[in-house]
Amino acid sequence: MNNRRRNFRSRSQKSSYRRRNGSINSANSNKFSPNGNINFGRNGSMNNVHNVEKTMQKFQQLAKDAQSNGDPVLAQNYLQHADHYLRRFNELTERKENTVEKNLSQDESKEKEFSQN
């Protein structure tokens, strides 16, 4: 095995390092959104129903573990996080159902137009 130590970049060199999103420094990556919240890139994780459901279940399990360890404050904190993801999950599920219903109604109207011609 090679016993040489790895040379790390100093801070001054790191500032010019390109980030994944292509910006030169981190000050450009944290933009304010129109509602005033800082927008951190999440790669769409909050829009994926499966990721939201998995995260919700993770926080529910963490709450159970905290409760069994005798920490009701931490358990409540985890339950609040799980509740947030439950609301997001319901929102995404409803949006998906509305999209499916809309597509079905459009398909039915196209079939009626086709059969009339």
N, C-alpha and C. Protein backbone atom coordinates (compact mmCIF):
# COMPACT_ATOMS: atom_id res chain seq x y z
N MET A 1 0.83 -1.18 0.00
CA MET A 1 0.00 0.00 0.00
C MET A 1 0.88 1.25 0.00
N ASN A 2 0.42 2.26 -0.65
CA ASN A 2 1.17 3.50 -0.76
C ASN A 2 0.97 4.33 0.50
N ASN A 3 2.05 4.77 1.14
CA ASN A 3 1.97 5.49 2.41
C ASN A 3 1.96 7.01 2.24
N ARG A 4 1.86 7.50 1.00
CA ARG A 4 1.83 8.95 0.80
C ARG A 4 0.51 9.52 1.26
N ARG A 5 0.57 10.70 1.86
CA ARG A 5 -0.65 11.39 2.28
C ARG A 5 -1.26 12.11 1.09
N ARG A 6 -2.57 12.20 1.09
CA ARG A 6 -3.28 12.91 0.03
C ARG A 6 -3.20 14.41 0.29
N ASN A 7 -2.88 15.17 -0.73
CA ASN A 7 -2.83 16.62 -0.62
C ASN A 7 -4.21 17.19 -0.89
N PHE A 8 -4.73 17.94 0.07
CA PHE A 8 -6.04 18.56 -0.09
C PHE A 8 -5.87 19.98 -0.60
N ARG A 9 -6.88 20.47 -1.29
CA ARG A 9 -6.84 21.84 -1.79
C ARG A 9 -7.03 22.81 -0.64
N SER A 10 -6.33 23.91 -0.71
CA SER A 10 -6.54 24.93 0.31
C SER A 10 -7.84 25.66 0.02
N ARG A 11 -8.35 26.43 0.97
CA ARG A 11 -9.62 27.15 0.83
C ARG A 11 -9.65 28.06 -0.39
N SER A 12 -8.55 28.78 -0.64
CA SER A 12 -8.53 29.73 -1.76
C SER A 12 -8.71 29.01 -3.09
N GLN A 13 -8.19 27.82 -3.23
CA GLN A 13 -8.34 27.08 -4.47
C GLN A 13 -9.75 26.51 -4.60
N LYS A 14 -10.37 26.16 -3.49
CA LYS A 14 -11.70 25.57 -3.54
C LYS A 14 -12.76 26.54 -4.03
N SER A 15 -12.58 27.84 -3.78
CA SER A 15 -13.61 28.81 -4.14
C SER A 15 -13.85 28.85 -5.64
N SER A 16 -12.87 28.49 -6.46
CA SER A 16 -13.07 28.51 -7.90
C SER A 16 -13.51 27.15 -8.43
N TYR A 17 -13.70 26.21 -7.57
CA TYR A 17 -14.14 24.88 -7.98
C TYR A 17 -15.59 24.93 -8.45
N ARG A 18 -15.87 24.36 -9.59
CA ARG A 18 -17.23 24.39 -10.13
C ARG A 18 -18.12 23.39 -9.40
N ARG A 19 -19.29 23.87 -9.03
CA ARG A 19 -20.27 23.02 -8.35
C ARG A 19 -21.02 22.19 -9.38
N ARG A 20 -21.83 21.22 -8.91
CA ARG A 20 -22.60 20.36 -9.80
C ARG A 20 -23.57 21.15 -10.68
N ASN A 21 -24.15 22.22 -10.12
CA ASN A 21 -25.11 22.98 -10.90
C ASN A 21 -24.44 23.97 -11.85
N GLY A 22 -23.14 24.01 -11.90
CA GLY A 22 -22.43 24.83 -12.85
C GLY A 22 -22.07 26.21 -12.34
N SER A 23 -22.51 26.60 -11.16
CA SER A 23 -22.16 27.93 -10.67
C SER A 23 -20.73 27.92 -10.15
N ILE A 24 -20.12 29.09 -10.19
CA ILE A 24 -18.72 29.18 -9.79
C ILE A 24 -18.57 29.21 -8.28
N ASN A 25 -19.48 29.88 -7.58
CA ASN A 25 -19.39 29.87 -6.12
C ASN A 25 -20.77 29.62 -5.52
N SER A 26 -20.79 29.26 -4.27
CA SER A 26 -22.04 28.86 -3.63
C SER A 26 -23.01 30.00 -3.44
N ALA A 27 -22.54 31.24 -3.51
CA ALA A 27 -23.44 32.39 -3.34
C ALA A 27 -24.47 32.44 -4.46
N ASN A 28 -24.12 31.92 -5.63
CA ASN A 28 -25.05 31.93 -6.75
C ASN A 28 -26.07 30.81 -6.67
N SER A 29 -25.80 29.75 -5.93
CA SER A 29 -26.69 28.59 -5.92
C SER A 29 -27.87 28.76 -4.97
N ASN A 30 -27.78 29.63 -3.97
CA ASN A 30 -28.88 29.84 -3.03
C ASN A 30 -29.63 31.11 -3.38
N LYS A 31 -30.54 31.01 -4.32
CA LYS A 31 -31.33 32.16 -4.75
C LYS A 31 -32.61 32.20 -3.93
N PHE A 32 -33.14 33.41 -3.77
CA PHE A 32 -34.42 33.55 -3.08
C PHE A 32 -35.53 33.30 -4.08
N SER A 33 -36.49 32.49 -3.68
CA SER A 33 -37.65 32.26 -4.52
C SER A 33 -38.65 33.39 -4.30
N PRO A 34 -39.68 33.50 -5.15
CA PRO A 34 -40.62 34.61 -5.03
C PRO A 34 -41.33 34.69 -3.67
N ASN A 35 -41.48 33.56 -2.99
CA ASN A 35 -42.15 33.61 -1.68
C ASN A 35 -41.18 33.91 -0.54
N GLY A 36 -39.92 34.21 -0.84
CA GLY A 36 -38.96 34.62 0.18
C GLY A 36 -38.16 33.50 0.80
N ASN A 37 -38.49 32.25 0.47
CA ASN A 37 -37.73 31.13 1.02
C ASN A 37 -36.50 30.87 0.19
N ILE A 38 -35.46 30.41 0.83
CA ILE A 38 -34.25 30.07 0.09
C ILE A 38 -34.50 28.77 -0.65
N ASN A 39 -34.12 28.73 -1.90
CA ASN A 39 -34.36 27.57 -2.74
C ASN A 39 -33.09 26.73 -2.81
N PHE A 40 -33.08 25.61 -2.12
CA PHE A 40 -31.97 24.68 -2.20
C PHE A 40 -32.34 23.60 -3.21
N GLY A 41 -31.42 23.27 -4.10
CA GLY A 41 -31.72 22.26 -5.12
C GLY A 41 -31.96 20.90 -4.49
N ARG A 42 -33.14 20.35 -4.75
CA ARG A 42 -33.50 19.06 -4.17
C ARG A 42 -33.56 17.96 -5.21
N ASN A 43 -33.29 18.28 -6.45
CA ASN A 43 -33.35 17.31 -7.54
C ASN A 43 -34.74 16.67 -7.63
N GLY A 44 -35.79 17.41 -7.31
CA GLY A 44 -37.15 16.92 -7.49
C GLY A 44 -37.61 15.91 -6.47
N SER A 45 -36.89 15.74 -5.38
CA SER A 45 -37.26 14.70 -4.42
C SER A 45 -38.61 14.95 -3.78
N MET A 46 -39.02 16.23 -3.67
CA MET A 46 -40.32 16.53 -3.06
C MET A 46 -41.46 16.35 -4.05
N ASN A 47 -41.17 16.06 -5.30
CA ASN A 47 -42.20 15.86 -6.31
C ASN A 47 -42.37 14.39 -6.67
N ASN A 48 -41.57 13.53 -6.10
CA ASN A 48 -41.65 12.11 -6.37
C ASN A 48 -42.46 11.46 -5.24
N VAL A 49 -43.62 10.87 -5.60
CA VAL A 49 -44.52 10.30 -4.60
C VAL A 49 -43.82 9.23 -3.77
N HIS A 50 -43.01 8.41 -4.42
CA HIS A 50 -42.35 7.31 -3.72
C HIS A 50 -41.31 7.81 -2.72
N ASN A 51 -40.55 8.84 -3.11
CA ASN A 51 -39.57 9.41 -2.18
C ASN A 51 -40.24 10.06 -0.98
N VAL A 52 -41.35 10.76 -1.22
CA VAL A 52 -42.07 11.43 -0.14
C VAL A 52 -42.63 10.38 0.82
N GLU A 53 -43.20 9.32 0.26
CA GLU A 53 -43.76 8.26 1.11
C GLU A 53 -42.67 7.59 1.95
N LYS A 54 -41.54 7.32 1.33
CA LYS A 54 -40.43 6.68 2.04
C LYS A 54 -39.90 7.57 3.17
N THR A 55 -39.80 8.87 2.90
CA THR A 55 -39.33 9.81 3.91
C THR A 55 -40.32 9.91 5.06
N MET A 56 -41.62 9.92 4.73
CA MET A 56 -42.65 9.96 5.76
C MET A 56 -42.54 8.73 6.68
N GLN A 57 -42.38 7.57 6.09
CA GLN A 57 -42.25 6.34 6.88
C GLN A 57 -40.99 6.35 7.73
N LYS A 58 -39.92 6.93 7.21
CA LYS A 58 -38.67 7.03 7.97
C LYS A 58 -38.87 7.86 9.23
N PHE A 59 -39.56 9.02 9.10
CA PHE A 59 -39.78 9.86 10.26
C PHE A 59 -40.75 9.22 11.25
N GLN A 60 -41.72 8.45 10.75
CA GLN A 60 -42.62 7.73 11.65
C GLN A 60 -41.84 6.70 12.47
N GLN A 61 -40.93 6.01 11.82
CA GLN A 61 -40.11 5.02 12.53
C GLN A 61 -39.17 5.70 13.53
N LEU A 62 -38.59 6.83 13.14
CA LEU A 62 -37.73 7.56 14.07
C LEU A 62 -38.52 8.02 15.29
N ALA A 63 -39.78 8.43 15.08
CA ALA A 63 -40.62 8.85 16.20
C ALA A 63 -40.89 7.69 17.14
N LYS A 64 -41.16 6.52 16.57
CA LYS A 64 -41.39 5.33 17.42
C LYS A 64 -40.15 4.99 18.22
N ASP A 65 -39.00 5.08 17.57
CA ASP A 65 -37.74 4.77 18.26
C ASP A 65 -37.47 5.78 19.38
N ALA A 66 -37.71 7.05 19.11
CA ALA A 66 -37.49 8.07 20.13
C ALA A 66 -38.43 7.89 21.30
N GLN A 67 -39.68 7.53 21.01
CA GLN A 67 -40.66 7.31 22.08
C GLN A 67 -40.26 6.11 22.94
N SER A 68 -39.79 5.05 22.30
CA SER A 68 -39.38 3.86 23.06
C SER A 68 -38.11 4.13 23.87
N ASN A 69 -37.31 5.10 23.43
CA ASN A 69 -36.10 5.47 24.18
C ASN A 69 -36.39 6.50 25.26
N GLY A 70 -37.65 6.89 25.40
CA GLY A 70 -38.04 7.80 26.47
C GLY A 70 -37.79 9.27 26.17
N ASP A 71 -37.84 9.65 24.92
CA ASP A 71 -37.63 11.05 24.55
C ASP A 71 -38.87 11.57 23.82
N PRO A 72 -39.89 12.02 24.57
CA PRO A 72 -41.14 12.44 23.94
C PRO A 72 -41.00 13.72 23.11
N VAL A 73 -40.05 14.59 23.45
CA VAL A 73 -39.87 15.82 22.68
C VAL A 73 -39.34 15.51 21.29
N LEU A 74 -38.34 14.65 21.22
CA LEU A 74 -37.79 14.25 19.93
C LEU A 74 -38.83 13.47 19.13
N ALA A 75 -39.60 12.62 19.80
CA ALA A 75 -40.65 11.87 19.12
C ALA A 75 -41.67 12.82 18.49
N GLN A 76 -42.06 13.85 19.22
CA GLN A 76 -43.02 14.82 18.69
C GLN A 76 -42.43 15.56 17.50
N ASN A 77 -41.16 15.89 17.58
CA ASN A 77 -40.49 16.55 16.46
C ASN A 77 -40.54 15.68 15.21
N TYR A 78 -40.22 14.40 15.36
CA TYR A 78 -40.25 13.49 14.22
C TYR A 78 -41.67 13.33 13.69
N LEU A 79 -42.66 13.29 14.58
CA LEU A 79 -44.05 13.17 14.14
C LEU A 79 -44.48 14.40 13.34
N GLN A 80 -44.01 15.56 13.71
CA GLN A 80 -44.33 16.76 12.95
C GLN A 80 -43.71 16.70 11.55
N HIS A 81 -42.50 16.19 11.47
CA HIS A 81 -41.88 16.01 10.15
C HIS A 81 -42.69 15.00 9.33
N ALA A 82 -43.07 13.89 9.95
CA ALA A 82 -43.85 12.87 9.25
C ALA A 82 -45.18 13.44 8.77
N ASP A 83 -45.80 14.30 9.58
CA ASP A 83 -47.07 14.92 9.21
C ASP A 83 -46.89 15.83 7.99
N HIS A 84 -45.79 16.54 7.96
CA HIS A 84 -45.50 17.39 6.79
C HIS A 84 -45.42 16.55 5.52
N TYR A 85 -44.69 15.43 5.58
CA TYR A 85 -44.55 14.58 4.41
C TYR A 85 -45.86 13.88 4.07
N LEU A 86 -46.70 13.59 5.07
CA LEU A 86 -48.01 13.02 4.80
C LEU A 86 -48.87 14.00 4.00
N ARG A 87 -48.86 15.28 4.40
CA ARG A 87 -49.61 16.29 3.65
C ARG A 87 -49.09 16.41 2.23
N ARG A 88 -47.78 16.40 2.06
CA ARG A 88 -47.19 16.48 0.71
C ARG A 88 -47.55 15.23 -0.10
N PHE A 89 -47.54 14.06 0.52
CA PHE A 89 -47.89 12.82 -0.15
C PHE A 89 -49.34 12.88 -0.64
N ASN A 90 -50.25 13.35 0.23
CA ASN A 90 -51.66 13.47 -0.16
C ASN A 90 -51.83 14.45 -1.30
N GLU A 91 -51.11 15.54 -1.26
CA GLU A 91 -51.18 16.55 -2.33
C GLU A 91 -50.72 15.96 -3.66
N LEU A 92 -49.61 15.24 -3.66
CA LEU A 92 -49.10 14.65 -4.89
C LEU A 92 -50.03 13.56 -5.41
N THR A 93 -50.60 12.77 -4.51
CA THR A 93 -51.52 11.71 -4.91
C THR A 93 -52.78 12.30 -5.54
N GLU A 94 -53.30 13.36 -4.93
CA GLU A 94 -54.50 14.02 -5.48
C GLU A 94 -54.20 14.61 -6.85
N ARG A 95 -53.05 15.23 -6.99
CA ARG A 95 -52.67 15.81 -8.28
C ARG A 95 -52.57 14.73 -9.34
N LYS A 96 -51.99 13.59 -8.97
CA LYS A 96 -51.84 12.48 -9.91
C LYS A 96 -53.21 11.94 -10.32
N GLU A 97 -54.12 11.79 -9.36
CA GLU A 97 -55.47 11.29 -9.68
C GLU A 97 -56.20 12.26 -10.59
N ASN A 98 -56.07 13.57 -10.34
CA ASN A 98 -56.72 14.57 -11.19
C ASN A 98 -56.18 14.53 -12.61
N THR A 99 -54.89 14.30 -12.74
CA THR A 99 -54.28 14.22 -14.06
C THR A 99 -54.79 12.99 -14.81
N VAL A 100 -54.92 11.86 -14.12
CA VAL A 100 -55.42 10.64 -14.74
C VAL A 100 -56.87 10.83 -15.18
N GLU A 101 -57.69 11.42 -14.32
CA GLU A 101 -59.09 11.65 -14.66
C GLU A 101 -59.21 12.59 -15.85
N LYS A 102 -58.39 13.63 -15.89
CA LYS A 102 -58.42 14.59 -16.99
C LYS A 102 -58.05 13.90 -18.29
N ASN A 103 -57.02 13.06 -18.25
CA ASN A 103 -56.59 12.35 -19.46
C ASN A 103 -57.67 11.39 -19.94
N LEU A 104 -58.35 10.72 -19.01
CA LEU A 104 -59.42 9.80 -19.40
C LEU A 104 -60.58 10.54 -20.05
N SER A 105 -60.96 11.68 -19.49
CA SER A 105 -62.06 12.45 -20.07
C SER A 105 -61.69 12.98 -21.45
N GLN A 106 -60.43 13.39 -21.64
CA GLN A 106 -59.99 13.85 -22.95
C GLN A 106 -60.01 12.70 -23.96
N ASP A 107 -59.59 11.51 -23.53
CA ASP A 107 -59.61 10.35 -24.42
C ASP A 107 -61.04 10.00 -24.83
N GLU A 108 -61.97 10.07 -23.86
CA GLU A 108 -63.37 9.77 -24.17
C GLU A 108 -63.95 10.77 -25.16
N SER A 109 -63.63 12.06 -24.99
CA SER A 109 -64.14 13.07 -25.91
C SER A 109 -63.56 12.89 -27.30
N LYS A 110 -62.29 12.48 -27.39
CA LYS A 110 -61.69 12.22 -28.70
C LYS A 110 -62.35 11.03 -29.37
N GLU A 111 -62.68 9.99 -28.60
CA GLU A 111 -63.34 8.81 -29.16
C GLU A 111 -64.72 9.18 -29.69
N LYS A 112 -65.46 10.03 -28.97
CA LYS A 112 -66.78 10.45 -29.43
C LYS A 112 -66.69 11.24 -30.72
N GLU A 113 -65.71 12.15 -30.80
CA GLU A 113 -65.52 12.92 -32.03
C GLU A 113 -65.17 12.00 -33.20
N PHE A 114 -64.33 11.00 -32.94
CA PHE A 114 -63.91 10.08 -33.98
C PHE A 114 -65.09 9.23 -34.45
N SER A 115 -65.93 8.78 -33.52
CA SER A 115 -67.06 7.92 -33.90
C SER A 115 -68.15 8.71 -34.61
N GLN A 116 -68.24 10.02 -34.39
CA GLN A 116 -69.23 10.84 -35.07
C GLN A 116 -68.81 11.12 -36.51
N ASN A 117 -67.50 11.11 -36.76
CA ASN A 117 -67.02 11.37 -38.13
C ASN A 117 -67.00 10.15 -38.93
